[in-house]
Amino acid sequence: MEAKQKQLAQDVQTAERRMAVERDDDRYEAIASQHDLLKKDLQETELEIDSKRQINASVPSLAEDVTAAMSLLDQILGLTGDDYARESLPDLVRQLGVRIGLTFAAGIKGTKRKCSPAAS
């Protein structure tokens, strides 16, 4: 892509140089129309390169991903070693993007009492 950009920039300069010395009106018009097309292609190529750079800049790097994963692992290890860490569990579950739910089914506990135990 960048090689194409460089070539188009050189072609635009060449067309401008030829336009500057051309005396014949018909030839000047032909060079001018090519100059306009080259200029348009150059602008489109530059926009495409810029958009690809922005996309690459917004993608997190491998080091950032590893740092985030290690931080999450530290949180998990902290929760497993602390008996009073129950309050922090909802935040951890939200960070992991995990949804936990129970499914209940009707049943009888003992001989008479109806209940809804969690189904496996």
PDB file of N, CA and C in Angstrom:
ATOM      1  N   MET A   1       0.809  -1.191   0.000  1.00  0.00           N
ATOM      2  CA  MET A   1       0.000   0.000   0.000  1.00  0.00           C
ATOM      3  C   MET A   1       0.860   1.266   0.000  1.00  0.00           C
ATOM      4  N   GLU A   2       1.868   1.272   0.858  1.00  0.00           N
ATOM      5  CA  GLU A   2       2.715   2.456   0.946  1.00  0.00           C
ATOM      6  C   GLU A   2       3.578   2.613  -0.307  1.00  0.00           C
ATOM      7  N   ALA A   3       3.923   1.499  -0.937  1.00  0.00           N
ATOM      8  CA  ALA A   3       4.656   1.575  -2.203  1.00  0.00           C
ATOM      9  C   ALA A   3       3.769   2.195  -3.278  1.00  0.00           C
ATOM     10  N   LYS A   4       2.499   1.831  -3.266  1.00  0.00           N
ATOM     11  CA  LYS A   4       1.540   2.412  -4.211  1.00  0.00           C
ATOM     12  C   LYS A   4       1.409   3.907  -3.970  1.00  0.00           C
ATOM     13  N   GLN A   5       1.368   4.306  -2.702  1.00  0.00           N
ATOM     14  CA  GLN A   5       1.260   5.720  -2.350  1.00  0.00           C
ATOM     15  C   GLN A   5       2.480   6.489  -2.863  1.00  0.00           C
ATOM     16  N   LYS A   6       3.648   5.921  -2.672  1.00  0.00           N
ATOM     17  CA  LYS A   6       4.885   6.570  -3.118  1.00  0.00           C
ATOM     18  C   LYS A   6       4.894   6.722  -4.638  1.00  0.00           C
ATOM     19  N   GLN A   7       4.490   5.662  -5.350  1.00  0.00           N
ATOM     20  CA  GLN A   7       4.458   5.709  -6.814  1.00  0.00           C
ATOM     21  C   GLN A   7       3.459   6.749  -7.308  1.00  0.00           C
ATOM     22  N   LEU A   8       2.283   6.813  -6.670  1.00  0.00           N
ATOM     23  CA  LEU A   8       1.279   7.803  -7.076  1.00  0.00           C
ATOM     24  C   LEU A   8       1.786   9.224  -6.832  1.00  0.00           C
ATOM     25  N   ALA A   9       2.474   9.446  -5.725  1.00  0.00           N
ATOM     26  CA  ALA A   9       3.018  10.776  -5.439  1.00  0.00           C
ATOM     27  C   ALA A   9       4.050  11.171  -6.498  1.00  0.00           C
ATOM     28  N   GLN A  10       4.878  10.226  -6.925  1.00  0.00           N
ATOM     29  CA  GLN A  10       5.853  10.515  -7.980  1.00  0.00           C
ATOM     30  C   GLN A  10       5.160  10.819  -9.302  1.00  0.00           C
ATOM     31  N   ASP A  11       4.086  10.064  -9.600  1.00  0.00           N
ATOM     32  CA  ASP A  11       3.339  10.289 -10.842  1.00  0.00           C
ATOM     33  C   ASP A  11       2.667  11.656 -10.842  1.00  0.00           C
ATOM     34  N   VAL A  12       2.159  12.078  -9.715  1.00  0.00           N
ATOM     35  CA  VAL A  12       1.533  13.400  -9.607  1.00  0.00           C
ATOM     36  C   VAL A  12       2.588  14.486  -9.848  1.00  0.00           C
ATOM     37  N   GLN A  13       3.754  14.320  -9.256  1.00  0.00           N
ATOM     38  CA  GLN A  13       4.832  15.302  -9.468  1.00  0.00           C
ATOM     39  C   GLN A  13       5.256  15.361 -10.934  1.00  0.00           C
ATOM     40  N   THR A  14       5.322  14.213 -11.570  1.00  0.00           N
ATOM     41  CA  THR A  14       5.693  14.168 -12.981  1.00  0.00           C
ATOM     42  C   THR A  14       4.652  14.887 -13.830  1.00  0.00           C
ATOM     43  N   ALA A  15       3.382  14.635 -13.546  1.00  0.00           N
ATOM     44  CA  ALA A  15       2.310  15.298 -14.298  1.00  0.00           C
ATOM     45  C   ALA A  15       2.358  16.812 -14.074  1.00  0.00           C
ATOM     46  N   GLU A  16       2.619  17.245 -12.861  1.00  0.00           N
ATOM     47  CA  GLU A  16       2.704  18.680 -12.584  1.00  0.00           C
ATOM     48  C   GLU A  16       3.880  19.315 -13.333  1.00  0.00           C
ATOM     49  N   ARG A  17       4.999  18.597 -13.365  1.00  0.00           N
ATOM     50  CA  ARG A  17       6.177  19.100 -14.073  1.00  0.00           C
ATOM     51  C   ARG A  17       5.872  19.228 -15.568  1.00  0.00           C
ATOM     52  N   ARG A  18       5.211  18.245 -16.136  1.00  0.00           N
ATOM     53  CA  ARG A  18       4.883  18.290 -17.569  1.00  0.00           C
ATOM     54  C   ARG A  18       3.849  19.366 -17.876  1.00  0.00           C
ATOM     55  N   MET A  19       2.915  19.569 -16.943  1.00  0.00           N
ATOM     56  CA  MET A  19       1.913  20.620 -17.151  1.00  0.00           C
ATOM     57  C   MET A  19       2.584  21.999 -17.176  1.00  0.00           C
ATOM     58  N   ALA A  20       3.622  22.159 -16.368  1.00  0.00           N
ATOM     59  CA  ALA A  20       4.294  23.449 -16.270  1.00  0.00           C
ATOM     60  C   ALA A  20       4.993  23.849 -17.568  1.00  0.00           C
ATOM     61  N   VAL A  21       5.462  22.896 -18.360  1.00  0.00           N
ATOM     62  CA  VAL A  21       6.224  23.215 -19.571  1.00  0.00           C
ATOM     63  C   VAL A  21       5.438  23.001 -20.865  1.00  0.00           C
ATOM     64  N   GLU A  22       4.253  22.426 -20.772  1.00  0.00           N
ATOM     65  CA  GLU A  22       3.492  22.104 -21.983  1.00  0.00           C
ATOM     66  C   GLU A  22       2.882  23.372 -22.583  1.00  0.00           C
ATOM     67  N   ARG A  23       3.075  23.546 -23.902  1.00  0.00           N
ATOM     68  CA  ARG A  23       2.577  24.729 -24.613  1.00  0.00           C
ATOM     69  C   ARG A  23       1.277  24.431 -25.374  1.00  0.00           C
ATOM     70  N   ASP A  24       1.099  23.206 -25.802  1.00  0.00           N
ATOM     71  CA  ASP A  24      -0.074  22.820 -26.592  1.00  0.00           C
ATOM     72  C   ASP A  24      -1.270  22.649 -25.659  1.00  0.00           C
ATOM     73  N   ASP A  25      -2.385  23.312 -25.948  1.00  0.00           N
ATOM     74  CA  ASP A  25      -3.564  23.274 -25.085  1.00  0.00           C
ATOM     75  C   ASP A  25      -4.188  21.888 -24.985  1.00  0.00           C
ATOM     76  N   ASP A  26      -4.239  21.158 -26.098  1.00  0.00           N
ATOM     77  CA  ASP A  26      -4.837  19.819 -26.077  1.00  0.00           C
ATOM     78  C   ASP A  26      -4.010  18.873 -25.201  1.00  0.00           C
ATOM     79  N   ARG A  27      -2.709  18.934 -25.348  1.00  0.00           N
ATOM     80  CA  ARG A  27      -1.852  18.083 -24.512  1.00  0.00           C
ATOM     81  C   ARG A  27      -1.943  18.483 -23.048  1.00  0.00           C
ATOM     82  N   TYR A  28      -2.006  19.796 -22.821  1.00  0.00           N
ATOM     83  CA  TYR A  28      -2.126  20.278 -21.444  1.00  0.00           C
ATOM     84  C   TYR A  28      -3.404  19.739 -20.792  1.00  0.00           C
ATOM     85  N   GLU A  29      -4.508  19.769 -21.534  1.00  0.00           N
ATOM     86  CA  GLU A  29      -5.777  19.241 -21.029  1.00  0.00           C
ATOM     87  C   GLU A  29      -5.676  17.751 -20.711  1.00  0.00           C
ATOM     88  N   ALA A  30      -5.012  17.001 -21.588  1.00  0.00           N
ATOM     89  CA  ALA A  30      -4.858  15.560 -21.373  1.00  0.00           C
ATOM     90  C   ALA A  30      -4.017  15.298 -20.120  1.00  0.00           C
ATOM     91  N   ILE A  31      -2.928  16.041 -19.981  1.00  0.00           N
ATOM     92  CA  ILE A  31      -2.083  15.863 -18.797  1.00  0.00           C
ATOM     93  C   ILE A  31      -2.840  16.290 -17.540  1.00  0.00           C
ATOM     94  N   ALA A  32      -3.612  17.357 -17.628  1.00  0.00           N
ATOM     95  CA  ALA A  32      -4.379  17.853 -16.481  1.00  0.00           C
ATOM     96  C   ALA A  32      -5.427  16.836 -16.038  1.00  0.00           C
ATOM     97  N   SER A  33      -6.095  16.192 -16.987  1.00  0.00           N
ATOM     98  CA  SER A  33      -7.108  15.196 -16.604  1.00  0.00           C
ATOM     99  C   SER A  33      -6.440  13.996 -15.925  1.00  0.00           C
ATOM    100  N   GLN A  34      -5.290  13.564 -16.433  1.00  0.00           N
ATOM    101  CA  GLN A  34      -4.556  12.473 -15.786  1.00  0.00           C
ATOM    102  C   GLN A  34      -4.066  12.885 -14.405  1.00  0.00           C
ATOM    103  N   HIS A  35      -3.641  14.137 -14.301  1.00  0.00           N
ATOM    104  CA  HIS A  35      -3.192  14.666 -13.006  1.00  0.00           C
ATOM    105  C   HIS A  35      -4.321  14.588 -11.984  1.00  0.00           C
ATOM    106  N   ASP A  36      -5.530  14.972 -12.398  1.00  0.00           N
ATOM    107  CA  ASP A  36      -6.673  14.931 -11.487  1.00  0.00           C
ATOM    108  C   ASP A  36      -6.985  13.501 -11.036  1.00  0.00           C
ATOM    109  N   LEU A  37      -6.923  12.551 -11.969  1.00  0.00           N
ATOM    110  CA  LEU A  37      -7.173  11.150 -11.617  1.00  0.00           C
ATOM    111  C   LEU A  37      -6.106  10.620 -10.653  1.00  0.00           C
ATOM    112  N   LEU A  38      -4.844  10.955 -10.934  1.00  0.00           N
ATOM    113  CA  LEU A  38      -3.761  10.520 -10.055  1.00  0.00           C
ATOM    114  C   LEU A  38      -3.913  11.123  -8.659  1.00  0.00           C
ATOM    115  N   LYS A  39      -4.284  12.376  -8.603  1.00  0.00           N
ATOM    116  CA  LYS A  39      -4.460  13.062  -7.318  1.00  0.00           C
ATOM    117  C   LYS A  39      -5.583  12.393  -6.513  1.00  0.00           C
ATOM    118  N   LYS A  40      -6.672  12.046  -7.196  1.00  0.00           N
ATOM    119  CA  LYS A  40      -7.794  11.374  -6.530  1.00  0.00           C
ATOM    120  C   LYS A  40      -7.366  10.003  -6.004  1.00  0.00           C
ATOM    121  N   ASP A  41      -6.649   9.228  -6.821  1.00  0.00           N
ATOM    122  CA  ASP A  41      -6.159   7.918  -6.385  1.00  0.00           C
ATOM    123  C   ASP A  41      -5.218   8.048  -5.199  1.00  0.00           C
ATOM    124  N   LEU A  42      -4.362   9.072  -5.220  1.00  0.00           N
ATOM    125  CA  LEU A  42      -3.427   9.289  -4.124  1.00  0.00           C
ATOM    126  C   LEU A  42      -4.175   9.588  -2.820  1.00  0.00           C
ATOM    127  N   GLN A  43      -5.201  10.422  -2.888  1.00  0.00           N
ATOM    128  CA  GLN A  43      -5.988  10.752  -1.689  1.00  0.00           C
ATOM    129  C   GLN A  43      -6.705   9.522  -1.146  1.00  0.00           C
ATOM    130  N   GLU A  44      -7.278   8.715  -2.024  1.00  0.00           N
ATOM    131  CA  GLU A  44      -7.968   7.495  -1.598  1.00  0.00           C
ATOM    132  C   GLU A  44      -6.996   6.518  -0.942  1.00  0.00           C
ATOM    133  N   THR A  45      -5.812   6.389  -1.519  1.00  0.00           N
ATOM    134  CA  THR A  45      -4.801   5.487  -0.958  1.00  0.00           C
ATOM    135  C   THR A  45      -4.358   5.971   0.416  1.00  0.00           C
ATOM    136  N   GLU A  46      -4.155   7.277   0.566  1.00  0.00           N
ATOM    137  CA  GLU A  46      -3.757   7.834   1.863  1.00  0.00           C
ATOM    138  C   GLU A  46      -4.840   7.617   2.915  1.00  0.00           C
ATOM    139  N   LEU A  47      -6.106   7.781   2.534  1.00  0.00           N
ATOM    140  CA  LEU A  47      -7.206   7.537   3.470  1.00  0.00           C
ATOM    141  C   LEU A  47      -7.254   6.073   3.895  1.00  0.00           C
ATOM    142  N   GLU A  48      -7.032   5.180   2.945  1.00  0.00           N
ATOM    143  CA  GLU A  48      -7.046   3.750   3.254  1.00  0.00           C
ATOM    144  C   GLU A  48      -5.902   3.382   4.202  1.00  0.00           C
ATOM    145  N   ILE A  49      -4.720   3.941   3.963  1.00  0.00           N
ATOM    146  CA  ILE A  49      -3.578   3.687   4.844  1.00  0.00           C
ATOM    147  C   ILE A  49      -3.859   4.223   6.243  1.00  0.00           C
ATOM    148  N   ASP A  50      -4.427   5.428   6.327  1.00  0.00           N
ATOM    149  CA  ASP A  50      -4.747   6.018   7.635  1.00  0.00           C
ATOM    150  C   ASP A  50      -5.777   5.187   8.387  1.00  0.00           C
ATOM    151  N   SER A  51      -6.791   4.704   7.678  1.00  0.00           N
ATOM    152  CA  SER A  51      -7.812   3.896   8.352  1.00  0.00           C
ATOM    153  C   SER A  51      -7.235   2.581   8.866  1.00  0.00           C
ATOM    154  N   LYS A  52      -6.318   1.976   8.111  1.00  0.00           N
ATOM    155  CA  LYS A  52      -5.679   0.736   8.574  1.00  0.00           C
ATOM    156  C   LYS A  52      -4.805   0.994   9.790  1.00  0.00           C
ATOM    157  N   ARG A  53      -4.134   2.133   9.803  1.00  0.00           N
ATOM    158  CA  ARG A  53      -3.313   2.487  10.968  1.00  0.00           C
ATOM    159  C   ARG A  53      -4.180   2.692  12.204  1.00  0.00           C
ATOM    160  N   GLN A  54      -5.328   3.326  12.036  1.00  0.00           N
ATOM    161  CA  GLN A  54      -6.238   3.544  13.165  1.00  0.00           C
ATOM    162  C   GLN A  54      -6.775   2.224  13.687  1.00  0.00           C
ATOM    163  N   ILE A  55      -7.101   1.314  12.802  1.00  0.00           N
ATOM    164  CA  ILE A  55      -7.601   0.005  13.220  1.00  0.00           C
ATOM    165  C   ILE A  55      -6.524  -0.735  13.997  1.00  0.00           C
ATOM    166  N   ASN A  56      -5.295  -0.703  13.494  1.00  0.00           N
ATOM    167  CA  ASN A  56      -4.194  -1.379  14.182  1.00  0.00           C
ATOM    168  C   ASN A  56      -3.897  -0.731  15.529  1.00  0.00           C
ATOM    169  N   ALA A  57      -4.074   0.572  15.624  1.00  0.00           N
ATOM    170  CA  ALA A  57      -3.803   1.264  16.884  1.00  0.00           C
ATOM    171  C   ALA A  57      -4.869   0.940  17.930  1.00  0.00           C
ATOM    172  N   SER A  58      -6.102   0.663  17.491  1.00  0.00           N
ATOM    173  CA  SER A  58      -7.176   0.403  18.446  1.00  0.00           C
ATOM    174  C   SER A  58      -7.191  -1.046  18.942  1.00  0.00           C
ATOM    175  N   VAL A  59      -6.510  -1.952  18.261  1.00  0.00           N
ATOM    176  CA  VAL A  59      -6.445  -3.348  18.679  1.00  0.00           C
ATOM    177  C   VAL A  59      -5.440  -3.463  19.830  1.00  0.00           C
ATOM    178  N   PRO A  60      -5.864  -4.030  20.967  1.00  0.00           N
ATOM    179  CA  PRO A  60      -4.926  -4.135  22.090  1.00  0.00           C
ATOM    180  C   PRO A  60      -3.760  -5.066  21.746  1.00  0.00           C
ATOM    181  N   SER A  61      -2.605  -4.717  22.282  1.00  0.00           N
ATOM    182  CA  SER A  61      -1.420  -5.511  21.999  1.00  0.00           C
ATOM    183  C   SER A  61      -1.418  -6.774  22.850  1.00  0.00           C
ATOM    184  N   LEU A  62      -0.544  -7.672  22.512  1.00  0.00           N
ATOM    185  CA  LEU A  62      -0.413  -8.925  23.238  1.00  0.00           C
ATOM    186  C   LEU A  62       0.000  -8.657  24.681  1.00  0.00           C
ATOM    187  N   ALA A  63       0.891  -7.695  24.883  1.00  0.00           N
ATOM    188  CA  ALA A  63       1.344  -7.365  26.244  1.00  0.00           C
ATOM    189  C   ALA A  63       0.189  -6.848  27.095  1.00  0.00           C
ATOM    190  N   GLU A  64      -0.694  -6.040  26.507  1.00  0.00           N
ATOM    191  CA  GLU A  64      -1.854  -5.534  27.250  1.00  0.00           C
ATOM    192  C   GLU A  64      -2.794  -6.675  27.622  1.00  0.00           C
ATOM    193  N   ASP A  65      -2.994  -7.611  26.685  1.00  0.00           N
ATOM    194  CA  ASP A  65      -3.854  -8.762  26.972  1.00  0.00           C
ATOM    195  C   ASP A  65      -3.278  -9.618  28.100  1.00  0.00           C
ATOM    196  N   VAL A  66      -1.976  -9.832  28.066  1.00  0.00           N
ATOM    197  CA  VAL A  66      -1.329 -10.642  29.104  1.00  0.00           C
ATOM    198  C   VAL A  66      -1.432  -9.936  30.458  1.00  0.00           C
ATOM    199  N   THR A  67      -1.224  -8.627  30.478  1.00  0.00           N
ATOM    200  CA  THR A  67      -1.319  -7.871  31.726  1.00  0.00           C
ATOM    201  C   THR A  67      -2.728  -7.952  32.306  1.00  0.00           C
ATOM    202  N   ALA A  68      -3.742  -7.815  31.452  1.00  0.00           N
ATOM    203  CA  ALA A  68      -5.123  -7.905  31.917  1.00  0.00           C
ATOM    204  C   ALA A  68      -5.430  -9.307  32.459  1.00  0.00           C
ATOM    205  N   ALA A  69      -4.950 -10.338  31.780  1.00  0.00           N
ATOM    206  CA  ALA A  69      -5.191 -11.714  32.228  1.00  0.00           C
ATOM    207  C   ALA A  69      -4.503 -11.983  33.558  1.00  0.00           C
ATOM    208  N   MET A  70      -3.288 -11.497  33.720  1.00  0.00           N
ATOM    209  CA  MET A  70      -2.567 -11.703  34.976  1.00  0.00           C
ATOM    210  C   MET A  70      -3.241 -10.951  36.129  1.00  0.00           C
ATOM    211  N   SER A  71      -3.764  -9.783  35.854  1.00  0.00           N
ATOM    212  CA  SER A  71      -4.486  -9.030  36.875  1.00  0.00           C
ATOM    213  C   SER A  71      -5.738  -9.787  37.314  1.00  0.00           C
ATOM    214  N   LEU A  72      -6.437 -10.361  36.358  1.00  0.00           N
ATOM    215  CA  LEU A  72      -7.625 -11.143  36.666  1.00  0.00           C
ATOM    216  C   LEU A  72      -7.260 -12.392  37.466  1.00  0.00           C
ATOM    217  N   LEU A  73      -6.161 -13.019  37.125  1.00  0.00           N
ATOM    218  CA  LEU A  73      -5.697 -14.187  37.863  1.00  0.00           C
ATOM    219  C   LEU A  73      -5.350 -13.811  39.304  1.00  0.00           C
ATOM    220  N   ASP A  74      -4.718 -12.663  39.482  1.00  0.00           N
ATOM    221  CA  ASP A  74      -4.409 -12.192  40.836  1.00  0.00           C
ATOM    222  C   ASP A  74      -5.683 -11.980  41.653  1.00  0.00           C
ATOM    223  N   GLN A  75      -6.713 -11.445  41.012  1.00  0.00           N
ATOM    224  CA  GLN A  75      -7.998 -11.251  41.711  1.00  0.00           C
ATOM    225  C   GLN A  75      -8.590 -12.589  42.124  1.00  0.00           C
ATOM    226  N   ILE A  76      -8.547 -13.554  41.222  1.00  0.00           N
ATOM    227  CA  ILE A  76      -9.104 -14.879  41.538  1.00  0.00           C
ATOM    228  C   ILE A  76      -8.341 -15.508  42.695  1.00  0.00           C
ATOM    229  N   LEU A  77      -7.011 -15.425  42.654  1.00  0.00           N
ATOM    230  CA  LEU A  77      -6.205 -15.982  43.737  1.00  0.00           C
ATOM    231  C   LEU A  77      -6.489 -15.272  45.060  1.00  0.00           C
ATOM    232  N   GLY A  78      -6.715 -13.969  45.006  1.00  0.00           N
ATOM    233  CA  GLY A  78      -7.048 -13.219  46.213  1.00  0.00           C
ATOM    234  C   GLY A  78      -8.387 -13.642  46.795  1.00  0.00           C
ATOM    235  N   LEU A  79      -9.336 -13.955  45.931  1.00  0.00           N
ATOM    236  CA  LEU A  79     -10.664 -14.370  46.403  1.00  0.00           C
ATOM    237  C   LEU A  79     -10.632 -15.767  47.002  1.00  0.00           C
ATOM    238  N   THR A  80      -9.806 -16.630  46.462  1.00  0.00           N
ATOM    239  CA  THR A  80      -9.773 -18.001  46.986  1.00  0.00           C
ATOM    240  C   THR A  80      -9.096 -18.073  48.347  1.00  0.00           C
ATOM    241  N   GLY A  81      -8.208 -17.137  48.639  1.00  0.00           N
ATOM    242  CA  GLY A  81      -7.509 -17.177  49.916  1.00  0.00           C
ATOM    243  C   GLY A  81      -8.210 -16.410  51.027  1.00  0.00           C
ATOM    244  N   ASP A  82      -9.260 -15.662  50.683  1.00  0.00           N
ATOM    245  CA  ASP A  82      -9.934 -14.815  51.668  1.00  0.00           C
ATOM    246  C   ASP A  82     -11.330 -15.361  51.940  1.00  0.00           C
ATOM    247  N   ASP A  83     -11.606 -15.632  53.231  1.00  0.00           N
ATOM    248  CA  ASP A  83     -12.927 -16.150  53.596  1.00  0.00           C
ATOM    249  C   ASP A  83     -14.021 -15.096  53.450  1.00  0.00           C
ATOM    250  N   TYR A  84     -13.666 -13.833  53.512  1.00  0.00           N
ATOM    251  CA  TYR A  84     -14.655 -12.754  53.470  1.00  0.00           C
ATOM    252  C   TYR A  84     -14.703 -12.075  52.102  1.00  0.00           C
ATOM    253  N   ALA A  85     -14.275 -12.750  51.082  1.00  0.00           N
ATOM    254  CA  ALA A  85     -14.208 -12.167  49.739  1.00  0.00           C
ATOM    255  C   ALA A  85     -15.514 -12.313  48.972  1.00  0.00           C
ATOM    256  N   ARG A  86     -16.533 -12.768  49.604  1.00  0.00           N
ATOM    257  CA  ARG A  86     -17.815 -13.005  48.931  1.00  0.00           C
ATOM    258  C   ARG A  86     -18.356 -11.740  48.280  1.00  0.00           C
ATOM    259  N   GLU A  87     -18.094 -10.589  48.874  1.00  0.00           N
ATOM    260  CA  GLU A  87     -18.595  -9.320  48.334  1.00  0.00           C
ATOM    261  C   GLU A  87     -17.961  -8.984  46.982  1.00  0.00           C
ATOM    262  N   SER A  88     -16.774  -9.471  46.735  1.00  0.00           N
ATOM    263  CA  SER A  88     -16.063  -9.165  45.488  1.00  0.00           C
ATOM    264  C   SER A  88     -16.442 -10.092  44.340  1.00  0.00           C
ATOM    265  N   LEU A  89     -17.133 -11.163  44.619  1.00  0.00           N
ATOM    266  CA  LEU A  89     -17.471 -12.133  43.574  1.00  0.00           C
ATOM    267  C   LEU A  89     -18.323 -11.554  42.442  1.00  0.00           C
ATOM    268  N   PRO A  90     -19.361 -10.748  42.728  1.00  0.00           N
ATOM    269  CA  PRO A  90     -20.142 -10.219  41.602  1.00  0.00           C
ATOM    270  C   PRO A  90     -19.306  -9.388  40.625  1.00  0.00           C
ATOM    271  N   ASP A  91     -18.359  -8.596  41.135  1.00  0.00           N
ATOM    272  CA  ASP A  91     -17.501  -7.814  40.242  1.00  0.00           C
ATOM    273  C   ASP A  91     -16.636  -8.716  39.376  1.00  0.00           C
ATOM    274  N   LEU A  92     -16.100  -9.760  39.970  1.00  0.00           N
ATOM    275  CA  LEU A  92     -15.260 -10.694  39.225  1.00  0.00           C
ATOM    276  C   LEU A  92     -16.073 -11.409  38.140  1.00  0.00           C
ATOM    277  N   VAL A  93     -17.266 -11.828  38.476  1.00  0.00           N
ATOM    278  CA  VAL A  93     -18.129 -12.517  37.508  1.00  0.00           C
ATOM    279  C   VAL A  93     -18.461 -11.573  36.352  1.00  0.00           C
ATOM    280  N   ARG A  94     -18.718 -10.289  36.651  1.00  0.00           N
ATOM    281  CA  ARG A  94     -18.999  -9.307  35.612  1.00  0.00           C
ATOM    282  C   ARG A  94     -17.787  -9.103  34.707  1.00  0.00           C
ATOM    283  N   GLN A  95     -16.587  -9.027  35.288  1.00  0.00           N
ATOM    284  CA  GLN A  95     -15.375  -8.860  34.496  1.00  0.00           C
ATOM    285  C   GLN A  95     -15.133 -10.045  33.575  1.00  0.00           C
ATOM    286  N   LEU A  96     -15.428 -11.222  34.052  1.00  0.00           N
ATOM    287  CA  LEU A  96     -15.253 -12.416  33.231  1.00  0.00           C
ATOM    288  C   LEU A  96     -16.317 -12.539  32.147  1.00  0.00           C
ATOM    289  N   GLY A  97     -17.435 -11.836  32.330  1.00  0.00           N
ATOM    290  CA  GLY A  97     -18.524 -11.937  31.368  1.00  0.00           C
ATOM    291  C   GLY A  97     -19.295 -13.231  31.502  1.00  0.00           C
ATOM    292  N   VAL A  98     -19.262 -13.788  32.694  1.00  0.00           N
ATOM    293  CA  VAL A  98     -19.921 -15.070  32.938  1.00  0.00           C
ATOM    294  C   VAL A  98     -21.322 -14.810  33.472  1.00  0.00           C
ATOM    295  N   ARG A  99     -22.268 -15.582  33.007  1.00  0.00           N
ATOM    296  CA  ARG A  99     -23.632 -15.522  33.539  1.00  0.00           C
ATOM    297  C   ARG A  99     -23.912 -16.835  34.239  1.00  0.00           C
ATOM    298  N   ILE A 100     -24.279 -16.712  35.486  1.00  0.00           N
ATOM    299  CA  ILE A 100     -24.540 -17.909  36.281  1.00  0.00           C
ATOM    300  C   ILE A 100     -26.021 -17.938  36.601  1.00  0.00           C
ATOM    301  N   GLY A 101     -26.621 -19.068  36.385  1.00  0.00           N
ATOM    302  CA  GLY A 101     -28.035 -19.203  36.683  1.00  0.00           C
ATOM    303  C   GLY A 101     -28.361 -20.602  37.163  1.00  0.00           C
ATOM    304  N   LEU A 102     -29.453 -20.710  37.832  1.00  0.00           N
ATOM    305  CA  LEU A 102     -29.913 -22.011  38.314  1.00  0.00           C
ATOM    306  C   LEU A 102     -31.241 -22.334  37.655  1.00  0.00           C
ATOM    307  N   THR A 103     -31.462 -23.602  37.402  1.00  0.00           N
ATOM    308  CA  THR A 103     -32.727 -24.064  36.867  1.00  0.00           C
ATOM    309  C   THR A 103     -33.419 -24.869  37.962  1.00  0.00           C
ATOM    310  N   PHE A 104     -34.655 -24.524  38.227  1.00  0.00           N
ATOM    311  CA  PHE A 104     -35.396 -25.197  39.289  1.00  0.00           C
ATOM    312  C   PHE A 104     -36.438 -26.121  38.683  1.00  0.00           C
ATOM    313  N   ALA A 105     -36.629 -27.233  39.365  1.00  0.00           N
ATOM    314  CA  ALA A 105     -37.626 -28.208  38.945  1.00  0.00           C
ATOM    315  C   ALA A 105     -38.491 -28.565  40.156  1.00  0.00           C
ATOM    316  N   ALA A 106     -39.761 -28.775  39.934  1.00  0.00           N
ATOM    317  CA  ALA A 106     -40.669 -29.126  41.032  1.00  0.00           C
ATOM    318  C   ALA A 106     -40.343 -30.528  41.539  1.00  0.00           C
ATOM    319  N   GLY A 107     -40.455 -30.688  42.827  1.00  0.00           N
ATOM    320  CA  GLY A 107     -40.168 -31.995  43.404  1.00  0.00           C
ATOM    321  C   GLY A 107     -40.697 -32.080  44.825  1.00  0.00           C
ATOM    322  N   ILE A 108     -40.564 -33.212  45.439  1.00  0.00           N
ATOM    323  CA  ILE A 108     -41.029 -33.429  46.811  1.00  0.00           C
ATOM    324  C   ILE A 108     -39.813 -33.745  47.664  1.00  0.00           C
ATOM    325  N   LYS A 109     -39.706 -32.984  48.755  1.00  0.00           N
ATOM    326  CA  LYS A 109     -38.606 -33.220  49.684  1.00  0.00           C
ATOM    327  C   LYS A 109     -39.179 -34.006  50.857  1.00  0.00           C
ATOM    328  N   GLY A 110     -38.581 -35.113  51.078  1.00  0.00           N
ATOM    329  CA  GLY A 110     -39.127 -35.973  52.121  1.00  0.00           C
ATOM    330  C   GLY A 110     -40.345 -36.699  51.596  1.00  0.00           C
ATOM    331  N   THR A 111     -41.379 -36.818  52.460  1.00  0.00           N
ATOM    332  CA  THR A 111     -42.561 -37.555  52.031  1.00  0.00           C
ATOM    333  C   THR A 111     -43.725 -36.649  51.683  1.00  0.00           C
ATOM    334  N   LYS A 112     -43.772 -35.410  52.227  1.00  0.00           N
ATOM    335  CA  LYS A 112     -44.944 -34.577  52.008  1.00  0.00           C
ATOM    336  C   LYS A 112     -44.643 -33.184  51.467  1.00  0.00           C
ATOM    337  N   ARG A 113     -43.532 -32.589  51.843  1.00  0.00           N
ATOM    338  CA  ARG A 113     -43.300 -31.176  51.561  1.00  0.00           C
ATOM    339  C   ARG A 113     -42.837 -30.980  50.114  1.00  0.00           C
ATOM    340  N   LYS A 114     -43.559 -30.083  49.363  1.00  0.00           N
ATOM    341  CA  LYS A 114     -43.173 -29.765  48.006  1.00  0.00           C
ATOM    342  C   LYS A 114     -42.123 -28.652  48.041  1.00  0.00           C
ATOM    343  N   CYS A 115     -41.160 -28.743  47.154  1.00  0.00           N
ATOM    344  CA  CYS A 115     -40.122 -27.708  47.058  1.00  0.00           C
ATOM    345  C   CYS A 115     -39.645 -27.631  45.603  1.00  0.00           C
ATOM    346  N   SER A 116     -38.802 -26.634  45.343  1.00  0.00           N
ATOM    347  CA  SER A 116     -38.241 -26.461  44.003  1.00  0.00           C
ATOM    348  C   SER A 116     -36.722 -26.514  44.097  1.00  0.00           C
ATOM    349  N   PRO A 117     -36.131 -27.696  44.142  1.00  0.00           N
ATOM    350  CA  PRO A 117     -34.660 -27.781  44.234  1.00  0.00           C
ATOM    351  C   PRO A 117     -34.016 -27.416  42.898  1.00  0.00           C
ATOM    352  N   ALA A 118     -32.791 -27.024  42.965  1.00  0.00           N
ATOM    353  CA  ALA A 118     -32.052 -26.701  41.744  1.00  0.00           C
ATOM    354  C   ALA A 118     -31.819 -27.984  40.955  1.00  0.00           C
ATOM    355  N   ALA A 119     -32.101 -27.925  39.674  1.00  0.00           N
ATOM    356  CA  ALA A 119     -31.888 -29.103  38.809  1.00  0.00           C
ATOM    357  C   ALA A 119     -30.467 -29.050  38.282  1.00  0.00           C
ATOM    358  N   SER A 120     -29.889 -30.204  38.058  1.00  0.00           N
ATOM    359  CA  SER A 120     -28.504 -30.214  37.541  1.00  0.00           C
ATOM    360  C   SER A 120     -28.470 -30.329  36.053  1.00  0.00           C
TER     361      SER A 120
END
